[in-house]
Amino acid sequence: MRMTYPTAIVLHAVAQGVRYGFDIIDASGLQAGTVYPILRRLEEERLLTSTWERVTKARADGRPPRRNYEITASGRKALVSALERYPGVARVLEPRARPATI
């Protein structure tokens, strides 16, 4: 698989715990039309796996089910190579907002 800069960003985001499409878009700053094809290719190459969340959970939250992605062992190896090729990728992801504590 050709590892482009945007592909490395998406792979890194999933490795950092960003699990579904909209969160990856928000964290990376990439467009949906870029992120979703990359996710499909990474899954086809077995660098990611995905599962759908339960419909009951999604309905309880008032939204459609999310497809959650997880990096594989092969994906981690590919990420190491990608980070060597594109060292700036590790700095791309925006800090995740944390809930306020009272």
PDB file of N, CA and C in Angstrom:
ATOM      1  N   MET A   1       0.836  -1.185   0.000  1.00  0.00           N
ATOM      2  CA  MET A   1       0.000   0.000   0.000  1.00  0.00           C
ATOM      3  C   MET A   1       0.876   1.242   0.000  1.00  0.00           C
ATOM      4  N   ARG A   2       0.494   2.203  -0.790  1.00  0.00           N
ATOM      5  CA  ARG A   2       1.205   3.483  -0.838  1.00  0.00           C
ATOM      6  C   ARG A   2       0.825   4.293   0.399  1.00  0.00           C
ATOM      7  N   MET A   3       1.825   4.645   1.196  1.00  0.00           N
ATOM      8  CA  MET A   3       1.584   5.393   2.432  1.00  0.00           C
ATOM      9  C   MET A   3       1.780   6.878   2.156  1.00  0.00           C
ATOM     10  N   THR A   4       0.678   7.574   1.970  1.00  0.00           N
ATOM     11  CA  THR A   4       0.725   9.020   1.760  1.00  0.00           C
ATOM     12  C   THR A   4       0.697   9.715   3.123  1.00  0.00           C
ATOM     13  N   TYR A   5       0.957  11.012   3.098  1.00  0.00           N
ATOM     14  CA  TYR A   5       0.913  11.800   4.332  1.00  0.00           C
ATOM     15  C   TYR A   5      -0.476  11.737   4.986  1.00  0.00           C
ATOM     16  N   PRO A   6      -1.578  11.952   4.242  1.00  0.00           N
ATOM     17  CA  PRO A   6      -2.900  11.843   4.865  1.00  0.00           C
ATOM     18  C   PRO A   6      -3.192  10.436   5.401  1.00  0.00           C
ATOM     19  N   THR A   7      -2.715   9.418   4.697  1.00  0.00           N
ATOM     20  CA  THR A   7      -2.920   8.045   5.170  1.00  0.00           C
ATOM     21  C   THR A   7      -2.193   7.834   6.488  1.00  0.00           C
ATOM     22  N   ALA A   8      -0.992   8.352   6.599  1.00  0.00           N
ATOM     23  CA  ALA A   8      -0.231   8.239   7.846  1.00  0.00           C
ATOM     24  C   ALA A   8      -0.945   8.972   8.984  1.00  0.00           C
ATOM     25  N   ILE A   9      -1.541  10.112   8.686  1.00  0.00           N
ATOM     26  CA  ILE A   9      -2.278  10.861   9.710  1.00  0.00           C
ATOM     27  C   ILE A   9      -3.453  10.037  10.224  1.00  0.00           C
ATOM     28  N   VAL A  10      -4.212   9.442   9.326  1.00  0.00           N
ATOM     29  CA  VAL A  10      -5.373   8.628   9.726  1.00  0.00           C
ATOM     30  C   VAL A  10      -4.922   7.423  10.537  1.00  0.00           C
ATOM     31  N   LEU A  11      -3.895   6.739  10.093  1.00  0.00           N
ATOM     32  CA  LEU A  11      -3.389   5.573  10.814  1.00  0.00           C
ATOM     33  C   LEU A  11      -2.906   5.975  12.204  1.00  0.00           C
ATOM     34  N   HIS A  12      -2.221   7.083  12.290  1.00  0.00           N
ATOM     35  CA  HIS A  12      -1.737   7.575  13.581  1.00  0.00           C
ATOM     36  C   HIS A  12      -2.908   7.951  14.498  1.00  0.00           C
ATOM     37  N   ALA A  13      -3.933   8.573  13.946  1.00  0.00           N
ATOM     38  CA  ALA A  13      -5.104   8.944  14.745  1.00  0.00           C
ATOM     39  C   ALA A  13      -5.749   7.717  15.375  1.00  0.00           C
ATOM     40  N   VAL A  14      -5.916   6.676  14.587  1.00  0.00           N
ATOM     41  CA  VAL A  14      -6.528   5.450  15.121  1.00  0.00           C
ATOM     42  C   VAL A  14      -5.624   4.831  16.185  1.00  0.00           C
ATOM     43  N   ALA A  15      -4.324   4.848  15.945  1.00  0.00           N
ATOM     44  CA  ALA A  15      -3.376   4.317  16.927  1.00  0.00           C
ATOM     45  C   ALA A  15      -3.429   5.092  18.237  1.00  0.00           C
ATOM     46  N   GLN A  16      -3.786   6.381  18.159  1.00  0.00           N
ATOM     47  CA  GLN A  16      -3.865   7.225  19.359  1.00  0.00           C
ATOM     48  C   GLN A  16      -5.223   7.136  20.050  1.00  0.00           C
ATOM     49  N   GLY A  17      -6.100   6.268  19.540  1.00  0.00           N
ATOM     50  CA  GLY A  17      -7.377   6.059  20.208  1.00  0.00           C
ATOM     51  C   GLY A  17      -8.553   6.808  19.621  1.00  0.00           C
ATOM     52  N   VAL A  18      -8.355   7.466  18.491  1.00  0.00           N
ATOM     53  CA  VAL A  18      -9.471   8.113  17.807  1.00  0.00           C
ATOM     54  C   VAL A  18     -10.147   7.017  16.996  1.00  0.00           C
ATOM     55  N   ARG A  19     -11.361   6.641  17.356  1.00  0.00           N
ATOM     56  CA  ARG A  19     -11.942   5.395  16.875  1.00  0.00           C
ATOM     57  C   ARG A  19     -12.932   5.470  15.724  1.00  0.00           C
ATOM     58  N   TYR A  20     -13.584   6.611  15.473  1.00  0.00           N
ATOM     59  CA  TYR A  20     -14.563   6.617  14.399  1.00  0.00           C
ATOM     60  C   TYR A  20     -14.398   7.838  13.508  1.00  0.00           C
ATOM     61  N   GLY A  21     -15.013   7.750  12.336  1.00  0.00           N
ATOM     62  CA  GLY A  21     -14.796   8.708  11.265  1.00  0.00           C
ATOM     63  C   GLY A  21     -14.861  10.173  11.632  1.00  0.00           C
ATOM     64  N   PHE A  22     -15.969  10.615  12.253  1.00  0.00           N
ATOM     65  CA  PHE A  22     -16.100  12.041  12.555  1.00  0.00           C
ATOM     66  C   PHE A  22     -15.019  12.509  13.523  1.00  0.00           C
ATOM     67  N   ASP A  23     -14.658  11.675  14.474  1.00  0.00           N
ATOM     68  CA  ASP A  23     -13.574  12.055  15.395  1.00  0.00           C
ATOM     69  C   ASP A  23     -12.241  12.155  14.659  1.00  0.00           C
ATOM     70  N   ILE A  24     -11.997  11.252  13.718  1.00  0.00           N
ATOM     71  CA  ILE A  24     -10.762  11.295  12.944  1.00  0.00           C
ATOM     72  C   ILE A  24     -10.723  12.580  12.109  1.00  0.00           C
ATOM     73  N   ILE A  25     -11.859  12.935  11.528  1.00  0.00           N
ATOM     74  CA  ILE A  25     -11.952  14.176  10.749  1.00  0.00           C
ATOM     75  C   ILE A  25     -11.640  15.370  11.644  1.00  0.00           C
ATOM     76  N   ASP A  26     -12.276  15.416  12.812  1.00  0.00           N
ATOM     77  CA  ASP A  26     -12.060  16.535  13.741  1.00  0.00           C
ATOM     78  C   ASP A  26     -10.615  16.614  14.220  1.00  0.00           C
ATOM     79  N   ALA A  27     -10.042  15.479  14.583  1.00  0.00           N
ATOM     80  CA  ALA A  27      -8.690  15.465  15.144  1.00  0.00           C
ATOM     81  C   ALA A  27      -7.621  15.776  14.100  1.00  0.00           C
ATOM     82  N   SER A  28      -7.852  15.338  12.874  1.00  0.00           N
ATOM     83  CA  SER A  28      -6.821  15.470  11.832  1.00  0.00           C
ATOM     84  C   SER A  28      -6.946  16.737  11.006  1.00  0.00           C
ATOM     85  N   GLY A  29      -8.147  17.276  10.928  1.00  0.00           N
ATOM     86  CA  GLY A  29      -8.370  18.418  10.056  1.00  0.00           C
ATOM     87  C   GLY A  29      -8.548  18.033   8.594  1.00  0.00           C
ATOM     88  N   LEU A  30      -8.566  16.737   8.304  1.00  0.00           N
ATOM     89  CA  LEU A  30      -8.775  16.257   6.938  1.00  0.00           C
ATOM     90  C   LEU A  30     -10.262  16.264   6.610  1.00  0.00           C
ATOM     91  N   GLN A  31     -10.581  16.292   5.330  1.00  0.00           N
ATOM     92  CA  GLN A  31     -11.968  16.283   4.866  1.00  0.00           C
ATOM     93  C   GLN A  31     -12.532  14.862   4.887  1.00  0.00           C
ATOM     94  N   ALA A  32     -13.854  14.758   5.034  1.00  0.00           N
ATOM     95  CA  ALA A  32     -14.526  13.452   5.027  1.00  0.00           C
ATOM     96  C   ALA A  32     -14.217  12.691   3.739  1.00  0.00           C
ATOM     97  N   GLY A  33     -14.172  13.403   2.616  1.00  0.00           N
ATOM     98  CA  GLY A  33     -13.886  12.762   1.333  1.00  0.00           C
ATOM     99  C   GLY A  33     -12.472  12.222   1.225  1.00  0.00           C
ATOM    100  N   THR A  34     -11.626  12.606   2.146  1.00  0.00           N
ATOM    101  CA  THR A  34     -10.267  12.064   2.234  1.00  0.00           C
ATOM    102  C   THR A  34     -10.220  10.926   3.244  1.00  0.00           C
ATOM    103  N   VAL A  35     -10.825  11.131   4.404  1.00  0.00           N
ATOM    104  CA  VAL A  35     -10.713  10.181   5.512  1.00  0.00           C
ATOM    105  C   VAL A  35     -11.395   8.849   5.214  1.00  0.00           C
ATOM    106  N   TYR A  36     -12.636   8.873   4.734  1.00  0.00           N
ATOM    107  CA  TYR A  36     -13.363   7.615   4.567  1.00  0.00           C
ATOM    108  C   TYR A  36     -12.753   6.686   3.519  1.00  0.00           C
ATOM    109  N   PRO A  37     -12.289   7.176   2.368  1.00  0.00           N
ATOM    110  CA  PRO A  37     -11.593   6.274   1.446  1.00  0.00           C
ATOM    111  C   PRO A  37     -10.306   5.702   2.046  1.00  0.00           C
ATOM    112  N   ILE A  38      -9.593   6.517   2.822  1.00  0.00           N
ATOM    113  CA  ILE A  38      -8.370   6.026   3.470  1.00  0.00           C
ATOM    114  C   ILE A  38      -8.718   4.924   4.466  1.00  0.00           C
ATOM    115  N   LEU A  39      -9.753   5.108   5.258  1.00  0.00           N
ATOM    116  CA  LEU A  39     -10.162   4.067   6.213  1.00  0.00           C
ATOM    117  C   LEU A  39     -10.495   2.769   5.494  1.00  0.00           C
ATOM    118  N   ARG A  40     -11.213   2.867   4.374  1.00  0.00           N
ATOM    119  CA  ARG A  40     -11.546   1.652   3.615  1.00  0.00           C
ATOM    120  C   ARG A  40     -10.283   0.958   3.113  1.00  0.00           C
ATOM    121  N   ARG A  41      -9.331   1.753   2.563  1.00  0.00           N
ATOM    122  CA  ARG A  41      -8.089   1.139   2.058  1.00  0.00           C
ATOM    123  C   ARG A  41      -7.277   0.506   3.184  1.00  0.00           C
ATOM    124  N   LEU A  42      -7.188   1.201   4.312  1.00  0.00           N
ATOM    125  CA  LEU A  42      -6.423   0.642   5.447  1.00  0.00           C
ATOM    126  C   LEU A  42      -7.052  -0.656   5.936  1.00  0.00           C
ATOM    127  N   GLU A  43      -8.369  -0.717   5.912  1.00  0.00           N
ATOM    128  CA  GLU A  43      -9.028  -1.956   6.326  1.00  0.00           C
ATOM    129  C   GLU A  43      -8.823  -3.060   5.285  1.00  0.00           C
ATOM    130  N   GLU A  44      -8.907  -2.727   4.008  1.00  0.00           N
ATOM    131  CA  GLU A  44      -8.656  -3.715   2.953  1.00  0.00           C
ATOM    132  C   GLU A  44      -7.249  -4.289   3.058  1.00  0.00           C
ATOM    133  N   GLU A  45      -6.294  -3.448   3.462  1.00  0.00           N
ATOM    134  CA  GLU A  45      -4.900  -3.877   3.606  1.00  0.00           C
ATOM    135  C   GLU A  45      -4.628  -4.541   4.961  1.00  0.00           C
ATOM    136  N   ARG A  46      -5.665  -4.643   5.767  1.00  0.00           N
ATOM    137  CA  ARG A  46      -5.604  -5.267   7.100  1.00  0.00           C
ATOM    138  C   ARG A  46      -4.690  -4.525   8.068  1.00  0.00           C
ATOM    139  N   LEU A  47      -4.600  -3.216   7.863  1.00  0.00           N
ATOM    140  CA  LEU A  47      -3.858  -2.380   8.801  1.00  0.00           C
ATOM    141  C   LEU A  47      -4.794  -1.857   9.889  1.00  0.00           C
ATOM    142  N   LEU A  48      -6.095  -1.904   9.597  1.00  0.00           N
ATOM    143  CA  LEU A  48      -7.145  -1.577  10.556  1.00  0.00           C
ATOM    144  C   LEU A  48      -8.216  -2.653  10.504  1.00  0.00           C
ATOM    145  N   THR A  49      -8.944  -2.790  11.591  1.00  0.00           N
ATOM    146  CA  THR A  49     -10.167  -3.586  11.608  1.00  0.00           C
ATOM    147  C   THR A  49     -11.279  -2.654  12.068  1.00  0.00           C
ATOM    148  N   SER A  50     -12.513  -3.047  11.797  1.00  0.00           N
ATOM    149  CA  SER A  50     -13.621  -2.210  12.249  1.00  0.00           C
ATOM    150  C   SER A  50     -14.769  -3.068  12.743  1.00  0.00           C
ATOM    151  N   THR A  51     -15.556  -2.471  13.615  1.00  0.00           N
ATOM    152  CA  THR A  51     -16.784  -3.095  14.116  1.00  0.00           C
ATOM    153  C   THR A  51     -17.836  -2.000  14.231  1.00  0.00           C
ATOM    154  N   TRP A  52     -19.076  -2.389  14.055  1.00  0.00           N
ATOM    155  CA  TRP A  52     -20.181  -1.446  14.235  1.00  0.00           C
ATOM    156  C   TRP A  52     -20.628  -1.496  15.684  1.00  0.00           C
ATOM    157  N   GLU A  53     -20.916  -0.337  16.241  1.00  0.00           N
ATOM    158  CA  GLU A  53     -21.435  -0.326  17.601  1.00  0.00           C
ATOM    159  C   GLU A  53     -22.878  -0.836  17.581  1.00  0.00           C
ATOM    160  N   ARG A  54     -23.367  -1.197  18.733  1.00  0.00           N
ATOM    161  CA  ARG A  54     -24.728  -1.715  18.831  1.00  0.00           C
ATOM    162  C   ARG A  54     -25.742  -0.626  18.508  1.00  0.00           C
ATOM    163  N   VAL A  55     -26.744  -1.030  17.750  1.00  0.00           N
ATOM    164  CA  VAL A  55     -27.795  -0.096  17.348  1.00  0.00           C
ATOM    165  C   VAL A  55     -28.495   0.468  18.581  1.00  0.00           C
ATOM    166  N   THR A  56     -28.693  -0.357  19.596  1.00  0.00           N
ATOM    167  CA  THR A  56     -29.386   0.120  20.796  1.00  0.00           C
ATOM    168  C   THR A  56     -28.616   1.253  21.467  1.00  0.00           C
ATOM    169  N   LYS A  57     -27.301   1.170  21.481  1.00  0.00           N
ATOM    170  CA  LYS A  57     -26.468   2.240  22.062  1.00  0.00           C
ATOM    171  C   LYS A  57     -26.615   3.518  21.252  1.00  0.00           C
ATOM    172  N   ALA A  58     -26.522   3.389  19.940  1.00  0.00           N
ATOM    173  CA  ALA A  58     -26.628   4.554  19.068  1.00  0.00           C
ATOM    174  C   ALA A  58     -28.004   5.202  19.206  1.00  0.00           C
ATOM    175  N   ARG A  59     -29.051   4.398  19.214  1.00  0.00           N
ATOM    176  CA  ARG A  59     -30.406   4.949  19.355  1.00  0.00           C
ATOM    177  C   ARG A  59     -30.575   5.649  20.691  1.00  0.00           C
ATOM    178  N   ALA A  60     -30.001   5.084  21.740  1.00  0.00           N
ATOM    179  CA  ALA A  60     -30.088   5.709  23.059  1.00  0.00           C
ATOM    180  C   ALA A  60     -29.408   7.074  23.058  1.00  0.00           C
ATOM    181  N   ASP A  61     -28.372   7.209  22.239  1.00  0.00           N
ATOM    182  CA  ASP A  61     -27.654   8.484  22.122  1.00  0.00           C
ATOM    183  C   ASP A  61     -28.274   9.394  21.054  1.00  0.00           C
ATOM    184  N   GLY A  62     -29.323   8.902  20.355  1.00  0.00           N
ATOM    185  CA  GLY A  62     -30.014   9.701  19.358  1.00  0.00           C
ATOM    186  C   GLY A  62     -29.233   9.947  18.083  1.00  0.00           C
ATOM    187  N   ARG A  63     -28.501   8.939  17.616  1.00  0.00           N
ATOM    188  CA  ARG A  63     -27.689   9.092  16.403  1.00  0.00           C
ATOM    189  C   ARG A  63     -27.559   7.745  15.702  1.00  0.00           C
ATOM    190  N   PRO A  64     -27.057   7.749  14.469  1.00  0.00           N
ATOM    191  CA  PRO A  64     -26.818   6.477  13.774  1.00  0.00           C
ATOM    192  C   PRO A  64     -25.654   5.720  14.414  1.00  0.00           C
ATOM    193  N   PRO A  65     -25.590   4.408  14.199  1.00  0.00           N
ATOM    194  CA  PRO A  65     -24.454   3.636  14.721  1.00  0.00           C
ATOM    195  C   PRO A  65     -23.135   4.102  14.122  1.00  0.00           C
ATOM    196  N   ARG A  66     -22.092   4.016  14.934  1.00  0.00           N
ATOM    197  CA  ARG A  66     -20.743   4.388  14.500  1.00  0.00           C
ATOM    198  C   ARG A  66     -19.951   3.143  14.138  1.00  0.00           C
ATOM    199  N   ARG A  67     -19.104   3.293  13.165  1.00  0.00           N
ATOM    200  CA  ARG A  67     -18.163   2.229  12.811  1.00  0.00           C
ATOM    201  C   ARG A  67     -16.862   2.575  13.515  1.00  0.00           C
ATOM    202  N   ASN A  68     -16.443   1.719  14.426  1.00  0.00           N
ATOM    203  CA  ASN A  68     -15.242   1.953  15.229  1.00  0.00           C
ATOM    204  C   ASN A  68     -14.057   1.204  14.632  1.00  0.00           C
ATOM    205  N   TYR A  69     -12.931   1.899  14.524  1.00  0.00           N
ATOM    206  CA  TYR A  69     -11.724   1.341  13.921  1.00  0.00           C
ATOM    207  C   TYR A  69     -10.671   1.069  14.980  1.00  0.00           C
ATOM    208  N   GLU A  70      -9.881   0.043  14.726  1.00  0.00           N
ATOM    209  CA  GLU A  70      -8.785  -0.314  15.620  1.00  0.00           C
ATOM    210  C   GLU A  70      -7.591  -0.720  14.764  1.00  0.00           C
ATOM    211  N   ILE A  71      -6.407  -0.315  15.195  1.00  0.00           N
ATOM    212  CA  ILE A  71      -5.196  -0.637  14.456  1.00  0.00           C
ATOM    213  C   ILE A  71      -4.789  -2.081  14.732  1.00  0.00           C
ATOM    214  N   THR A  72      -4.260  -2.763  13.724  1.00  0.00           N
ATOM    215  CA  THR A  72      -3.792  -4.143  13.861  1.00  0.00           C
ATOM    216  C   THR A  72      -2.282  -4.148  14.115  1.00  0.00           C
ATOM    217  N   ALA A  73      -1.741  -5.322  14.361  1.00  0.00           N
ATOM    218  CA  ALA A  73      -0.290  -5.449  14.536  1.00  0.00           C
ATOM    219  C   ALA A  73       0.427  -5.011  13.257  1.00  0.00           C
ATOM    220  N   SER A  74      -0.090  -5.396  12.109  1.00  0.00           N
ATOM    221  CA  SER A  74       0.501  -4.963  10.833  1.00  0.00           C
ATOM    222  C   SER A  74       0.391  -3.453  10.677  1.00  0.00           C
ATOM    223  N   GLY A  75      -0.705  -2.895  11.147  1.00  0.00           N
ATOM    224  CA  GLY A  75      -0.890  -1.450  11.099  1.00  0.00           C
ATOM    225  C   GLY A  75       0.133  -0.720  11.951  1.00  0.00           C
ATOM    226  N   ARG A  76       0.440  -1.286  13.103  1.00  0.00           N
ATOM    227  CA  ARG A  76       1.449  -0.663  13.980  1.00  0.00           C
ATOM    228  C   ARG A  76       2.821  -0.659  13.312  1.00  0.00           C
ATOM    229  N   LYS A  77       3.149  -1.770  12.638  1.00  0.00           N
ATOM    230  CA  LYS A  77       4.425  -1.820  11.912  1.00  0.00           C
ATOM    231  C   LYS A  77       4.452  -0.792  10.782  1.00  0.00           C
ATOM    232  N   ALA A  78       3.345  -0.688  10.064  1.00  0.00           N
ATOM    233  CA  ALA A  78       3.266   0.293   8.980  1.00  0.00           C
ATOM    234  C   ALA A  78       3.357   1.709   9.534  1.00  0.00           C
ATOM    235  N   LEU A  79       2.777   1.934  10.705  1.00  0.00           N
ATOM    236  CA  LEU A  79       2.819   3.256  11.315  1.00  0.00           C
ATOM    237  C   LEU A  79       4.241   3.652  11.689  1.00  0.00           C
ATOM    238  N   VAL A  80       5.025   2.717  12.198  1.00  0.00           N
ATOM    239  CA  VAL A  80       6.422   3.007  12.533  1.00  0.00           C
ATOM    240  C   VAL A  80       7.158   3.510  11.291  1.00  0.00           C
ATOM    241  N   SER A  81       6.961   2.810  10.178  1.00  0.00           N
ATOM    242  CA  SER A  81       7.601   3.233   8.921  1.00  0.00           C
ATOM    243  C   SER A  81       7.071   4.585   8.464  1.00  0.00           C
ATOM    244  N   ALA A  82       5.774   4.792   8.609  1.00  0.00           N
ATOM    245  CA  ALA A  82       5.167   6.055   8.180  1.00  0.00           C
ATOM    246  C   ALA A  82       5.689   7.222   9.006  1.00  0.00           C
ATOM    247  N   LEU A  83       5.858   7.020  10.310  1.00  0.00           N
ATOM    248  CA  LEU A  83       6.362   8.090  11.170  1.00  0.00           C
ATOM    249  C   LEU A  83       7.819   8.415  10.870  1.00  0.00           C
ATOM    250  N   GLU A  84       8.586   7.420  10.406  1.00  0.00           N
ATOM    251  CA  GLU A  84       9.961   7.685   9.974  1.00  0.00           C
ATOM    252  C   GLU A  84       9.965   8.503   8.687  1.00  0.00           C
ATOM    253  N   ARG A  85       9.041   8.176   7.807  1.00  0.00           N
ATOM    254  CA  ARG A  85       8.964   8.880   6.516  1.00  0.00           C
ATOM    255  C   ARG A  85       8.368  10.282   6.680  1.00  0.00           C
ATOM    256  N   TYR A  86       7.366  10.408   7.543  1.00  0.00           N
ATOM    257  CA  TYR A  86       6.668  11.675   7.772  1.00  0.00           C
ATOM    258  C   TYR A  86       6.708  12.027   9.259  1.00  0.00           C
ATOM    259  N   PRO A  87       7.833  12.497   9.763  1.00  0.00           N
ATOM    260  CA  PRO A  87       7.953  12.741  11.205  1.00  0.00           C
ATOM    261  C   PRO A  87       6.968  13.782  11.739  1.00  0.00           C
ATOM    262  N   GLY A  88       6.463  14.670  10.898  1.00  0.00           N
ATOM    263  CA  GLY A  88       5.518  15.685  11.349  1.00  0.00           C
ATOM    264  C   GLY A  88       4.135  15.154  11.671  1.00  0.00           C
ATOM    265  N   VAL A  89       3.838  13.928  11.260  1.00  0.00           N
ATOM    266  CA  VAL A  89       2.518  13.345  11.500  1.00  0.00           C
ATOM    267  C   VAL A  89       2.180  13.304  12.986  1.00  0.00           C
ATOM    268  N   ALA A  90       3.149  13.012  13.810  1.00  0.00           N
ATOM    269  CA  ALA A  90       2.896  12.897  15.250  1.00  0.00           C
ATOM    270  C   ALA A  90       2.425  14.206  15.860  1.00  0.00           C
ATOM    271  N   ARG A  91       2.679  15.335  15.182  1.00  0.00           N
ATOM    272  CA  ARG A  91       2.268  16.637  15.721  1.00  0.00           C
ATOM    273  C   ARG A  91       0.975  17.157  15.105  1.00  0.00           C
ATOM    274  N   VAL A  92       0.392  16.436  14.167  1.00  0.00           N
ATOM    275  CA  VAL A  92      -0.773  16.926  13.442  1.00  0.00           C
ATOM    276  C   VAL A  92      -2.053  16.875  14.269  1.00  0.00           C
ATOM    277  N   LEU A  93      -2.222  15.829  15.018  1.00  0.00           N
ATOM    278  CA  LEU A  93      -3.493  15.641  15.718  1.00  0.00           C
ATOM    279  C   LEU A  93      -3.715  16.723  16.756  1.00  0.00           C
ATOM    280  N   GLU A  94      -4.912  17.287  16.719  1.00  0.00           N
ATOM    281  CA  GLU A  94      -5.277  18.299  17.704  1.00  0.00           C
ATOM    282  C   GLU A  94      -5.456  17.622  19.059  1.00  0.00           C
ATOM    283  N   PRO A  95      -5.122  18.321  20.142  1.00  0.00           N
ATOM    284  CA  PRO A  95      -5.344  17.735  21.465  1.00  0.00           C
ATOM    285  C   PRO A  95      -6.835  17.428  21.649  1.00  0.00           C
ATOM    286  N   ARG A  96      -7.127  16.288  22.189  1.00  0.00           N
ATOM    287  CA  ARG A  96      -8.514  15.897  22.428  1.00  0.00           C
ATOM    288  C   ARG A  96      -9.072  16.674  23.615  1.00  0.00           C
ATOM    289  N   ALA A  97     -10.257  17.175  23.480  1.00  0.00           N
ATOM    290  CA  ALA A  97     -10.909  17.904  24.570  1.00  0.00           C
ATOM    291  C   ALA A  97     -11.236  16.930  25.694  1.00  0.00           C
ATOM    292  N   ARG A  98     -10.980  17.344  26.892  1.00  0.00           N
ATOM    293  CA  ARG A  98     -11.289  16.504  28.058  1.00  0.00           C
ATOM    294  C   ARG A  98     -12.470  17.104  28.787  1.00  0.00           C
ATOM    295  N   PRO A  99     -13.338  16.235  29.338  1.00  0.00           N
ATOM    296  CA  PRO A  99     -14.488  16.771  30.076  1.00  0.00           C
ATOM    297  C   PRO A  99     -14.026  17.576  31.274  1.00  0.00           C
ATOM    298  N   ALA A 100     -14.754  18.628  31.565  1.00  0.00           N
ATOM    299  CA  ALA A 100     -14.442  19.452  32.735  1.00  0.00           C
ATOM    300  C   ALA A 100     -14.703  18.661  34.010  1.00  0.00           C
ATOM    301  N   THR A 101     -13.844  18.816  34.966  1.00  0.00           N
ATOM    302  CA  THR A 101     -14.065  18.161  36.259  1.00  0.00           C
ATOM    303  C   THR A 101     -14.550  19.202  37.251  1.00  0.00           C
ATOM    304  N   ILE A 102     -15.414  18.772  38.113  1.00  0.00           N
ATOM    305  CA  ILE A 102     -15.981  19.699  39.096  1.00  0.00           C
ATOM    306  C   ILE A 102     -15.387  19.433  40.459  1.00  0.00           C
TER     307      ILE A 102
END
